[in-house]
Each structure stands twice: as structure tokens, then as C-alpha cells.
Amino acid sequence: MDLDDYYHLIKQDSYQDIIVHDKNRIMALADCYKNKNLILSVEKETNPLSEESLRVISIQNSTDSNNVVAIVVSDEYRDADINNPILWLHLVVEACEWYEEANDYLTWRQDFGFKDNAFFQDLYTSLKVVVPKTRELIGYDVKAVDHHHIEFNTDVAQALRNYEI
């Protein structure tokens, strides 16, 4: 085996590790859904949200119907239309992570490519309350699948989109 073959194997093994890691995230999402007795539902599309590829997903614990949290998620690839609560939970976790990772409104807005207007300012402000309430329901240990898998519809994204409970 020459050096190029060796480096190819290392890269291939690393890629396989990434795939396994992200598929484990799908299992963690499913475990979160089941163990925390979550109920998720996608709200009907409304403007101006749908014009920006945004949807509202409601989440609650089945044992506490009084604690319902509605969070705005990015749905550029129309995943909310797929009847799959594990996929919906991924969208919820991703929305939390994007908010948590942004340093401020400007960073969050630019990451999404949103215009600077009152609608997005209000949406960002609402996330200050909604994200912690969502995290109370789902916890902090669950992570979203890396977005590049969703964007390029890799086998990881397909596994998530086709996941059956």
C-alpha cells in the first residue's frame, strides 16, 4: 500500500465515522421523542412565514397538555410536509441550535439571508423566550443532523426523512 492509498483509507474511514455519527443523531432524536413522550404538529402555512420558507411546529409532552410551545423553523426543503415527527423534531432542534449559535440578531439574520425588518426582529426576539421553553421539553443533549446532509439529500437525510417510529 502506498501513501496515497493510505490517505484515501483515512479519508474514507473519517467519512464513514461522520455518517455513523449523524445516523446516531437520528437515533438520539427518536429516543428523545419516545422517552420524553413528545407530541409534535405542524401548523397550517401562513404568510409571511411561508414566503420565507418558515413553518411553525408545536411541541408538547403528552403528559402535560397545558405546556405547548410553538417554534418557527426553517423549512426550505418542505420537510414539514412529510408526516414524520422525528424529522419535525430535527427541524425544531435545528432552529434551537441556529438561535443558540448566533451571537446576535445580525448574525442570525445574515446566516438565514433574511432582510432587516420588524418581522424578523420580532421573530428573533420571540426566540429568546421560545428556545429555552423548547429546550425544557427536549433537553440539550439532542442534536440536529448536520445541515449539509439535508441540503444535499445524502443517505443520512434520506434515513431521517424515511425514519419510521
N, C-alpha and C. Protein backbone atom coordinates (compact mmCIF):
# COMPACT_ATOMS: atom_id res chain seq x y z
N MET A 1 0.85 -1.17 0.00
CA MET A 1 0.00 0.00 0.00
C MET A 1 0.90 1.23 0.00
N ASP A 2 0.67 2.14 -0.95
CA ASP A 2 1.46 3.35 -0.97
C ASP A 2 0.79 4.43 -0.12
N LEU A 3 1.45 5.57 0.01
CA LEU A 3 0.98 6.64 0.87
C LEU A 3 -0.37 7.18 0.41
N ASP A 4 -0.58 7.33 -0.89
CA ASP A 4 -1.86 7.82 -1.40
C ASP A 4 -3.00 6.88 -1.03
N ASP A 5 -2.77 5.57 -1.13
CA ASP A 5 -3.79 4.60 -0.73
C ASP A 5 -4.12 4.73 0.75
N TYR A 6 -3.08 4.93 1.54
CA TYR A 6 -3.26 5.06 2.98
C TYR A 6 -4.12 6.30 3.31
N TYR A 7 -3.79 7.46 2.70
CA TYR A 7 -4.56 8.67 2.94
C TYR A 7 -6.00 8.52 2.46
N HIS A 8 -6.21 7.83 1.36
CA HIS A 8 -7.56 7.58 0.88
C HIS A 8 -8.36 6.78 1.91
N LEU A 9 -7.74 5.76 2.49
CA LEU A 9 -8.41 4.96 3.52
C LEU A 9 -8.75 5.80 4.74
N ILE A 10 -7.82 6.66 5.15
CA ILE A 10 -8.08 7.52 6.30
C ILE A 10 -9.27 8.42 6.02
N LYS A 11 -9.27 9.05 4.85
CA LYS A 11 -10.39 9.93 4.48
C LYS A 11 -11.69 9.14 4.44
N GLN A 12 -11.66 7.96 3.86
CA GLN A 12 -12.86 7.14 3.75
C GLN A 12 -13.35 6.73 5.14
N ASP A 13 -12.44 6.32 6.02
CA ASP A 13 -12.82 5.96 7.38
C ASP A 13 -13.41 7.15 8.11
N SER A 14 -12.82 8.32 7.94
CA SER A 14 -13.32 9.52 8.59
C SER A 14 -14.72 9.85 8.10
N TYR A 15 -14.92 9.72 6.80
CA TYR A 15 -16.25 9.98 6.24
C TYR A 15 -17.26 8.99 6.80
N GLN A 16 -16.87 7.74 6.88
CA GLN A 16 -17.77 6.72 7.45
C GLN A 16 -18.08 7.03 8.91
N ASP A 17 -17.09 7.52 9.65
CA ASP A 17 -17.32 7.91 11.04
C ASP A 17 -18.35 9.04 11.13
N ILE A 18 -18.24 9.99 10.21
CA ILE A 18 -19.20 11.10 10.17
C ILE A 18 -20.60 10.58 9.87
N ILE A 19 -20.72 9.68 8.92
CA ILE A 19 -22.02 9.11 8.57
C ILE A 19 -22.62 8.38 9.77
N VAL A 20 -21.80 7.57 10.43
CA VAL A 20 -22.28 6.84 11.62
C VAL A 20 -22.70 7.83 12.70
N HIS A 21 -21.89 8.86 12.90
CA HIS A 21 -22.19 9.88 13.91
C HIS A 21 -23.56 10.53 13.63
N ASP A 22 -23.80 10.92 12.39
CA ASP A 22 -25.05 11.57 12.05
C ASP A 22 -26.23 10.60 12.08
N LYS A 23 -26.01 9.36 11.73
CA LYS A 23 -27.09 8.38 11.86
C LYS A 23 -27.40 8.13 13.33
N ASN A 24 -26.38 8.21 14.19
CA ASN A 24 -26.63 8.11 15.63
C ASN A 24 -27.47 9.29 16.13
N ARG A 25 -27.30 10.44 15.50
CA ARG A 25 -28.12 11.60 15.87
C ARG A 25 -29.59 11.34 15.55
N ILE A 26 -29.86 10.63 14.48
CA ILE A 26 -31.24 10.27 14.15
C ILE A 26 -31.81 9.38 15.25
N MET A 27 -31.03 8.42 15.69
CA MET A 27 -31.48 7.53 16.76
C MET A 27 -31.69 8.33 18.05
N ALA A 28 -30.83 9.30 18.31
CA ALA A 28 -30.98 10.14 19.51
C ALA A 28 -32.25 10.98 19.42
N LEU A 29 -32.57 11.49 18.22
CA LEU A 29 -33.82 12.22 18.03
C LEU A 29 -35.02 11.32 18.32
N ALA A 30 -34.96 10.10 17.81
CA ALA A 30 -36.06 9.15 18.03
C ALA A 30 -36.18 8.80 19.51
N ASP A 31 -35.06 8.60 20.18
CA ASP A 31 -35.08 8.31 21.61
C ASP A 31 -35.66 9.48 22.40
N CYS A 32 -35.28 10.69 22.03
CA CYS A 32 -35.81 11.88 22.68
C CYS A 32 -37.32 11.94 22.52
N TYR A 33 -37.77 11.73 21.30
CA TYR A 33 -39.21 11.75 21.00
C TYR A 33 -39.97 10.74 21.87
N LYS A 34 -39.45 9.53 21.93
CA LYS A 34 -40.13 8.46 22.68
C LYS A 34 -39.99 8.65 24.19
N ASN A 35 -38.78 8.89 24.66
CA ASN A 35 -38.53 8.95 26.10
C ASN A 35 -39.14 10.16 26.77
N LYS A 36 -39.29 11.24 26.04
CA LYS A 36 -39.87 12.45 26.62
C LYS A 36 -41.36 12.57 26.29
N ASN A 37 -41.91 11.53 25.66
CA ASN A 37 -43.35 11.48 25.35
C ASN A 37 -43.81 12.74 24.60
N LEU A 38 -43.09 13.07 23.55
CA LEU A 38 -43.37 14.30 22.82
C LEU A 38 -44.50 14.12 21.81
N ILE A 39 -45.23 15.19 21.63
CA ILE A 39 -46.23 15.28 20.56
C ILE A 39 -45.86 16.51 19.75
N LEU A 40 -45.69 16.33 18.45
CA LEU A 40 -45.36 17.44 17.56
C LEU A 40 -46.44 17.56 16.50
N SER A 41 -46.71 18.79 16.10
CA SER A 41 -47.64 19.01 15.00
C SER A 41 -47.17 20.22 14.20
N VAL A 42 -47.42 20.16 12.92
CA VAL A 42 -47.06 21.25 12.02
C VAL A 42 -48.30 22.10 11.80
N GLU A 43 -48.14 23.38 12.04
CA GLU A 43 -49.27 24.30 11.88
C GLU A 43 -49.48 24.62 10.39
N LYS A 44 -50.67 25.04 10.07
CA LYS A 44 -51.00 25.41 8.70
C LYS A 44 -50.10 26.56 8.23
N GLU A 45 -49.71 26.51 6.97
CA GLU A 45 -48.85 27.56 6.41
C GLU A 45 -49.58 28.90 6.41
N THR A 46 -48.82 29.95 6.75
CA THR A 46 -49.36 31.30 6.72
C THR A 46 -48.30 32.24 6.16
N ASN A 47 -48.75 33.33 5.59
CA ASN A 47 -47.85 34.40 5.16
C ASN A 47 -47.66 35.33 6.34
N PRO A 48 -46.55 35.95 6.51
CA PRO A 48 -45.37 35.98 5.66
C PRO A 48 -44.39 34.82 5.91
N LEU A 49 -44.70 33.92 6.84
CA LEU A 49 -43.78 32.83 7.13
C LEU A 49 -43.48 31.99 5.89
N SER A 50 -44.52 31.55 5.19
CA SER A 50 -44.31 30.65 4.05
C SER A 50 -43.52 31.32 2.93
N GLU A 51 -43.63 32.63 2.82
CA GLU A 51 -42.85 33.35 1.80
C GLU A 51 -41.35 33.26 2.07
N GLU A 52 -40.99 33.00 3.32
CA GLU A 52 -39.58 32.90 3.73
C GLU A 52 -39.16 31.46 4.02
N SER A 53 -39.98 30.50 3.58
CA SER A 53 -39.73 29.06 3.83
C SER A 53 -39.67 28.75 5.33
N LEU A 54 -40.54 29.38 6.08
CA LEU A 54 -40.63 29.15 7.51
C LEU A 54 -41.96 28.49 7.84
N ARG A 55 -41.95 27.65 8.86
CA ARG A 55 -43.16 26.98 9.33
C ARG A 55 -43.18 27.03 10.84
N VAL A 56 -44.33 26.79 11.40
CA VAL A 56 -44.48 26.71 12.86
C VAL A 56 -44.74 25.26 13.22
N ILE A 57 -43.95 24.76 14.17
CA ILE A 57 -44.16 23.42 14.71
C ILE A 57 -44.46 23.57 16.19
N SER A 58 -45.54 22.94 16.62
CA SER A 58 -45.89 22.93 18.03
C SER A 58 -45.37 21.65 18.66
N ILE A 59 -44.90 21.77 19.89
CA ILE A 59 -44.33 20.64 20.59
C ILE A 59 -44.82 20.66 22.03
N GLN A 60 -45.13 19.46 22.53
CA GLN A 60 -45.55 19.33 23.92
C GLN A 60 -45.25 17.94 24.42
N ASN A 61 -45.28 17.80 25.72
CA ASN A 61 -45.15 16.49 26.36
C ASN A 61 -46.56 15.93 26.49
N SER A 62 -46.75 14.66 26.16
CA SER A 62 -48.10 14.07 26.17
C SER A 62 -48.72 14.06 27.56
N THR A 63 -47.91 14.18 28.60
CA THR A 63 -48.45 14.18 29.96
C THR A 63 -48.80 15.57 30.47
N ASP A 64 -48.48 16.61 29.70
CA ASP A 64 -48.76 17.98 30.11
C ASP A 64 -49.31 18.78 28.93
N SER A 65 -50.59 18.67 28.71
CA SER A 65 -51.20 19.33 27.55
C SER A 65 -51.28 20.84 27.71
N ASN A 66 -50.99 21.36 28.90
CA ASN A 66 -51.02 22.80 29.12
C ASN A 66 -49.72 23.49 28.69
N ASN A 67 -48.67 22.73 28.48
CA ASN A 67 -47.37 23.29 28.13
C ASN A 67 -47.06 23.02 26.66
N VAL A 68 -47.63 23.83 25.78
CA VAL A 68 -47.40 23.71 24.34
C VAL A 68 -46.52 24.87 23.90
N VAL A 69 -45.45 24.53 23.18
CA VAL A 69 -44.53 25.55 22.67
C VAL A 69 -44.62 25.52 21.14
N ALA A 70 -44.79 26.69 20.55
CA ALA A 70 -44.80 26.81 19.09
C ALA A 70 -43.51 27.52 18.69
N ILE A 71 -42.75 26.88 17.81
CA ILE A 71 -41.47 27.44 17.39
C ILE A 71 -41.44 27.55 15.86
N VAL A 72 -40.88 28.64 15.39
CA VAL A 72 -40.73 28.85 13.95
C VAL A 72 -39.45 28.15 13.50
N VAL A 73 -39.58 27.33 12.46
CA VAL A 73 -38.44 26.56 11.94
C VAL A 73 -38.23 26.89 10.46
N SER A 74 -37.02 26.69 10.00
CA SER A 74 -36.71 26.84 8.58
C SER A 74 -37.14 25.56 7.87
N ASP A 75 -37.88 25.72 6.79
CA ASP A 75 -38.37 24.55 6.04
C ASP A 75 -38.13 24.73 4.54
N GLU A 76 -36.92 25.07 4.22
CA GLU A 76 -36.54 25.32 2.82
C GLU A 76 -36.81 24.12 1.92
N TYR A 77 -36.68 22.92 2.47
CA TYR A 77 -36.82 21.70 1.66
C TYR A 77 -38.17 21.01 1.85
N ARG A 78 -39.13 21.71 2.44
CA ARG A 78 -40.51 21.23 2.61
C ARG A 78 -40.58 19.95 3.45
N ASP A 79 -39.66 19.80 4.38
CA ASP A 79 -39.67 18.61 5.24
C ASP A 79 -40.86 18.58 6.19
N ALA A 80 -41.42 19.73 6.51
CA ALA A 80 -42.58 19.75 7.40
C ALA A 80 -43.80 19.10 6.75
N ASP A 81 -43.78 18.97 5.43
CA ASP A 81 -44.89 18.32 4.72
C ASP A 81 -44.85 16.80 4.83
N ILE A 82 -43.72 16.27 5.24
CA ILE A 82 -43.57 14.82 5.40
C ILE A 82 -44.11 14.44 6.77
N ASN A 83 -45.00 13.48 6.83
CA ASN A 83 -45.61 13.08 8.09
C ASN A 83 -44.62 12.23 8.90
N ASN A 84 -43.71 12.93 9.59
CA ASN A 84 -42.64 12.24 10.31
C ASN A 84 -42.22 13.10 11.51
N PRO A 85 -42.70 12.76 12.71
CA PRO A 85 -42.38 13.58 13.88
C PRO A 85 -40.89 13.60 14.24
N ILE A 86 -40.14 12.59 13.85
CA ILE A 86 -38.70 12.62 14.12
C ILE A 86 -38.04 13.68 13.23
N LEU A 87 -38.47 13.77 12.00
CA LEU A 87 -37.99 14.82 11.09
C LEU A 87 -38.40 16.19 11.61
N TRP A 88 -39.62 16.31 12.09
CA TRP A 88 -40.08 17.58 12.65
C TRP A 88 -39.26 17.96 13.88
N LEU A 89 -38.92 16.96 14.72
CA LEU A 89 -38.10 17.23 15.89
C LEU A 89 -36.71 17.72 15.45
N HIS A 90 -36.18 17.13 14.39
CA HIS A 90 -34.91 17.62 13.84
C HIS A 90 -35.02 19.10 13.49
N LEU A 91 -36.10 19.51 12.82
CA LEU A 91 -36.29 20.91 12.45
C LEU A 91 -36.35 21.81 13.68
N VAL A 92 -37.00 21.32 14.73
CA VAL A 92 -37.10 22.07 15.98
C VAL A 92 -35.71 22.23 16.61
N VAL A 93 -34.98 21.14 16.70
CA VAL A 93 -33.63 21.18 17.29
C VAL A 93 -32.73 22.09 16.47
N GLU A 94 -32.83 21.99 15.16
CA GLU A 94 -32.01 22.84 14.28
C GLU A 94 -32.32 24.32 14.52
N ALA A 95 -33.59 24.66 14.67
CA ALA A 95 -33.97 26.05 14.94
C ALA A 95 -33.37 26.52 16.27
N CYS A 96 -33.41 25.66 17.26
CA CYS A 96 -32.81 26.00 18.56
C CYS A 96 -31.31 26.22 18.41
N GLU A 97 -30.64 25.29 17.74
CA GLU A 97 -29.19 25.39 17.59
C GLU A 97 -28.79 26.64 16.82
N TRP A 98 -29.51 26.96 15.75
CA TRP A 98 -29.15 28.15 14.97
C TRP A 98 -29.29 29.41 15.81
N TYR A 99 -30.34 29.46 16.63
CA TYR A 99 -30.50 30.62 17.51
C TYR A 99 -29.39 30.64 18.56
N GLU A 100 -29.12 29.49 19.18
CA GLU A 100 -28.12 29.41 20.23
C GLU A 100 -26.71 29.71 19.73
N GLU A 101 -26.42 29.37 18.49
CA GLU A 101 -25.08 29.57 17.95
C GLU A 101 -24.85 30.98 17.41
N ALA A 102 -25.92 31.70 17.14
CA ALA A 102 -25.78 33.08 16.65
C ALA A 102 -25.42 33.98 17.82
N ASN A 103 -24.48 34.87 17.59
CA ASN A 103 -24.07 35.79 18.66
C ASN A 103 -25.11 36.87 18.92
N ASP A 104 -25.85 37.21 17.88
CA ASP A 104 -26.80 38.30 17.99
C ASP A 104 -27.77 38.26 16.81
N TYR A 105 -28.66 39.22 16.80
CA TYR A 105 -29.67 39.30 15.73
C TYR A 105 -29.02 39.40 14.35
N LEU A 106 -28.01 40.24 14.23
CA LEU A 106 -27.36 40.44 12.93
C LEU A 106 -26.80 39.13 12.39
N THR A 107 -26.09 38.39 13.22
CA THR A 107 -25.52 37.10 12.79
C THR A 107 -26.62 36.13 12.40
N TRP A 108 -27.64 36.01 13.24
CA TRP A 108 -28.76 35.10 12.97
C TRP A 108 -29.43 35.46 11.64
N ARG A 109 -29.71 36.74 11.46
CA ARG A 109 -30.39 37.20 10.24
C ARG A 109 -29.53 36.95 9.01
N GLN A 110 -28.26 37.25 9.09
CA GLN A 110 -27.38 37.06 7.94
C GLN A 110 -27.19 35.58 7.62
N ASP A 111 -27.12 34.73 8.65
CA ASP A 111 -26.99 33.28 8.41
C ASP A 111 -28.16 32.75 7.58
N PHE A 112 -29.33 33.31 7.78
CA PHE A 112 -30.52 32.89 7.04
C PHE A 112 -30.73 33.68 5.76
N GLY A 113 -30.09 34.81 5.63
CA GLY A 113 -30.30 35.66 4.47
C GLY A 113 -31.59 36.47 4.57
N PHE A 114 -32.06 36.69 5.79
CA PHE A 114 -33.28 37.46 5.99
C PHE A 114 -33.02 38.95 5.87
N LYS A 115 -34.04 39.67 5.43
CA LYS A 115 -33.97 41.14 5.39
C LYS A 115 -34.03 41.67 6.82
N ASP A 116 -33.53 42.86 6.98
CA ASP A 116 -33.60 43.52 8.29
C ASP A 116 -34.89 44.32 8.33
N ASN A 117 -35.90 43.74 8.97
CA ASN A 117 -37.16 44.44 9.11
C ASN A 117 -37.83 44.05 10.43
N ALA A 118 -38.93 44.68 10.73
CA ALA A 118 -39.61 44.47 12.01
C ALA A 118 -40.06 43.02 12.18
N PHE A 119 -40.48 42.38 11.10
CA PHE A 119 -40.94 40.99 11.18
C PHE A 119 -39.83 40.08 11.73
N PHE A 120 -38.64 40.18 11.16
CA PHE A 120 -37.55 39.32 11.58
C PHE A 120 -36.99 39.74 12.94
N GLN A 121 -37.04 41.03 13.24
CA GLN A 121 -36.63 41.48 14.57
C GLN A 121 -37.56 40.88 15.63
N ASP A 122 -38.86 40.88 15.36
CA ASP A 122 -39.83 40.30 16.29
C ASP A 122 -39.65 38.79 16.41
N LEU A 123 -39.39 38.14 15.28
CA LEU A 123 -39.17 36.69 15.29
C LEU A 123 -37.96 36.35 16.15
N TYR A 124 -36.86 37.06 15.96
CA TYR A 124 -35.65 36.81 16.75
C TYR A 124 -35.92 37.06 18.23
N THR A 125 -36.61 38.14 18.53
CA THR A 125 -36.93 38.45 19.93
C THR A 125 -37.78 37.35 20.55
N SER A 126 -38.72 36.81 19.79
CA SER A 126 -39.58 35.74 20.32
C SER A 126 -38.78 34.47 20.62
N LEU A 127 -37.72 34.23 19.86
CA LEU A 127 -36.89 33.05 20.08
C LEU A 127 -36.17 33.11 21.43
N LYS A 128 -35.97 34.30 21.97
CA LYS A 128 -35.35 34.43 23.29
C LYS A 128 -36.18 33.74 24.36
N VAL A 129 -37.47 33.67 24.15
CA VAL A 129 -38.38 33.02 25.09
C VAL A 129 -38.67 31.59 24.65
N VAL A 130 -38.89 31.40 23.36
CA VAL A 130 -39.34 30.12 22.82
C VAL A 130 -38.25 29.04 22.89
N VAL A 131 -37.01 29.39 22.58
CA VAL A 131 -35.94 28.39 22.57
C VAL A 131 -35.72 27.79 23.96
N PRO A 132 -35.61 28.58 25.03
CA PRO A 132 -35.46 27.96 26.36
C PRO A 132 -36.66 27.09 26.76
N LYS A 133 -37.86 27.50 26.40
CA LYS A 133 -39.05 26.68 26.69
C LYS A 133 -39.00 25.37 25.91
N THR A 134 -38.54 25.45 24.67
CA THR A 134 -38.40 24.24 23.86
C THR A 134 -37.35 23.32 24.46
N ARG A 135 -36.25 23.90 24.89
CA ARG A 135 -35.17 23.10 25.49
C ARG A 135 -35.62 22.43 26.79
N GLU A 136 -36.55 23.08 27.52
CA GLU A 136 -37.10 22.44 28.72
C GLU A 136 -37.81 21.14 28.35
N LEU A 137 -38.43 21.11 27.19
CA LEU A 137 -39.16 19.92 26.74
C LEU A 137 -38.24 18.86 26.16
N ILE A 138 -37.26 19.28 25.37
CA ILE A 138 -36.45 18.30 24.63
C ILE A 138 -35.08 18.06 25.23
N GLY A 139 -34.61 18.97 26.06
CA GLY A 139 -33.28 18.85 26.64
C GLY A 139 -32.21 19.44 25.73
N TYR A 140 -30.98 19.41 26.23
CA TYR A 140 -29.85 19.98 25.49
C TYR A 140 -28.95 18.93 24.87
N ASP A 141 -29.19 17.67 25.21
CA ASP A 141 -28.29 16.63 24.72
C ASP A 141 -28.62 16.16 23.31
N VAL A 142 -29.80 16.45 22.82
CA VAL A 142 -30.19 16.04 21.46
C VAL A 142 -29.68 17.08 20.46
N LYS A 143 -29.13 16.60 19.35
CA LYS A 143 -28.52 17.47 18.34
C LYS A 143 -29.17 17.22 16.98
N ALA A 144 -29.19 18.25 16.16
CA ALA A 144 -29.70 18.12 14.79
C ALA A 144 -28.67 17.43 13.91
N VAL A 145 -29.14 16.79 12.86
CA VAL A 145 -28.28 16.23 11.83
C VAL A 145 -27.60 17.41 11.13
N ASP A 146 -26.32 17.25 10.78
CA ASP A 146 -25.62 18.34 10.09
C ASP A 146 -26.40 18.77 8.85
N HIS A 147 -26.51 20.08 8.69
CA HIS A 147 -27.37 20.63 7.65
C HIS A 147 -26.94 20.24 6.23
N HIS A 148 -25.65 20.03 6.01
CA HIS A 148 -25.22 19.69 4.65
C HIS A 148 -25.88 18.38 4.18
N HIS A 149 -26.18 17.47 5.11
CA HIS A 149 -26.87 16.24 4.72
C HIS A 149 -28.28 16.55 4.19
N ILE A 150 -28.94 17.48 4.86
CA ILE A 150 -30.30 17.86 4.45
C ILE A 150 -30.23 18.58 3.09
N GLU A 151 -29.32 19.51 2.99
CA GLU A 151 -29.19 20.31 1.77
C GLU A 151 -28.90 19.45 0.54
N PHE A 152 -28.03 18.45 0.69
CA PHE A 152 -27.64 17.63 -0.45
C PHE A 152 -28.37 16.30 -0.50
N ASN A 153 -29.35 16.13 0.37
CA ASN A 153 -30.17 14.92 0.41
C ASN A 153 -29.32 13.64 0.40
N THR A 154 -28.34 13.61 1.30
CA THR A 154 -27.46 12.45 1.40
C THR A 154 -28.22 11.26 1.97
N ASP A 155 -27.54 10.13 2.08
CA ASP A 155 -28.19 8.96 2.65
C ASP A 155 -28.61 9.19 4.09
N VAL A 156 -27.90 10.07 4.80
CA VAL A 156 -28.29 10.41 6.18
C VAL A 156 -29.62 11.16 6.15
N ALA A 157 -29.75 12.14 5.26
CA ALA A 157 -31.01 12.89 5.15
C ALA A 157 -32.15 11.97 4.74
N GLN A 158 -31.88 11.07 3.83
CA GLN A 158 -32.91 10.13 3.40
C GLN A 158 -33.33 9.21 4.54
N ALA A 159 -32.35 8.79 5.35
CA ALA A 159 -32.68 7.96 6.51
C ALA A 159 -33.55 8.73 7.49
N LEU A 160 -33.26 10.00 7.69
CA LEU A 160 -34.07 10.84 8.57
C LEU A 160 -35.47 11.04 7.99
N ARG A 161 -35.54 11.37 6.72
CA ARG A 161 -36.84 11.63 6.09
C ARG A 161 -37.71 10.38 6.01
N ASN A 162 -37.09 9.22 5.96
CA ASN A 162 -37.84 7.97 5.86
C ASN A 162 -37.95 7.22 7.19
N TYR A 163 -37.50 7.82 8.27
CA TYR A 163 -37.50 7.14 9.56
C TYR A 163 -38.93 6.79 9.97
N GLU A 164 -39.12 5.59 10.44
CA GLU A 164 -40.43 5.15 10.90
C GLU A 164 -40.36 4.83 12.38
N ILE A 165 -41.34 5.29 13.09
CA ILE A 165 -41.39 5.05 14.54
C ILE A 165 -41.92 3.66 14.79
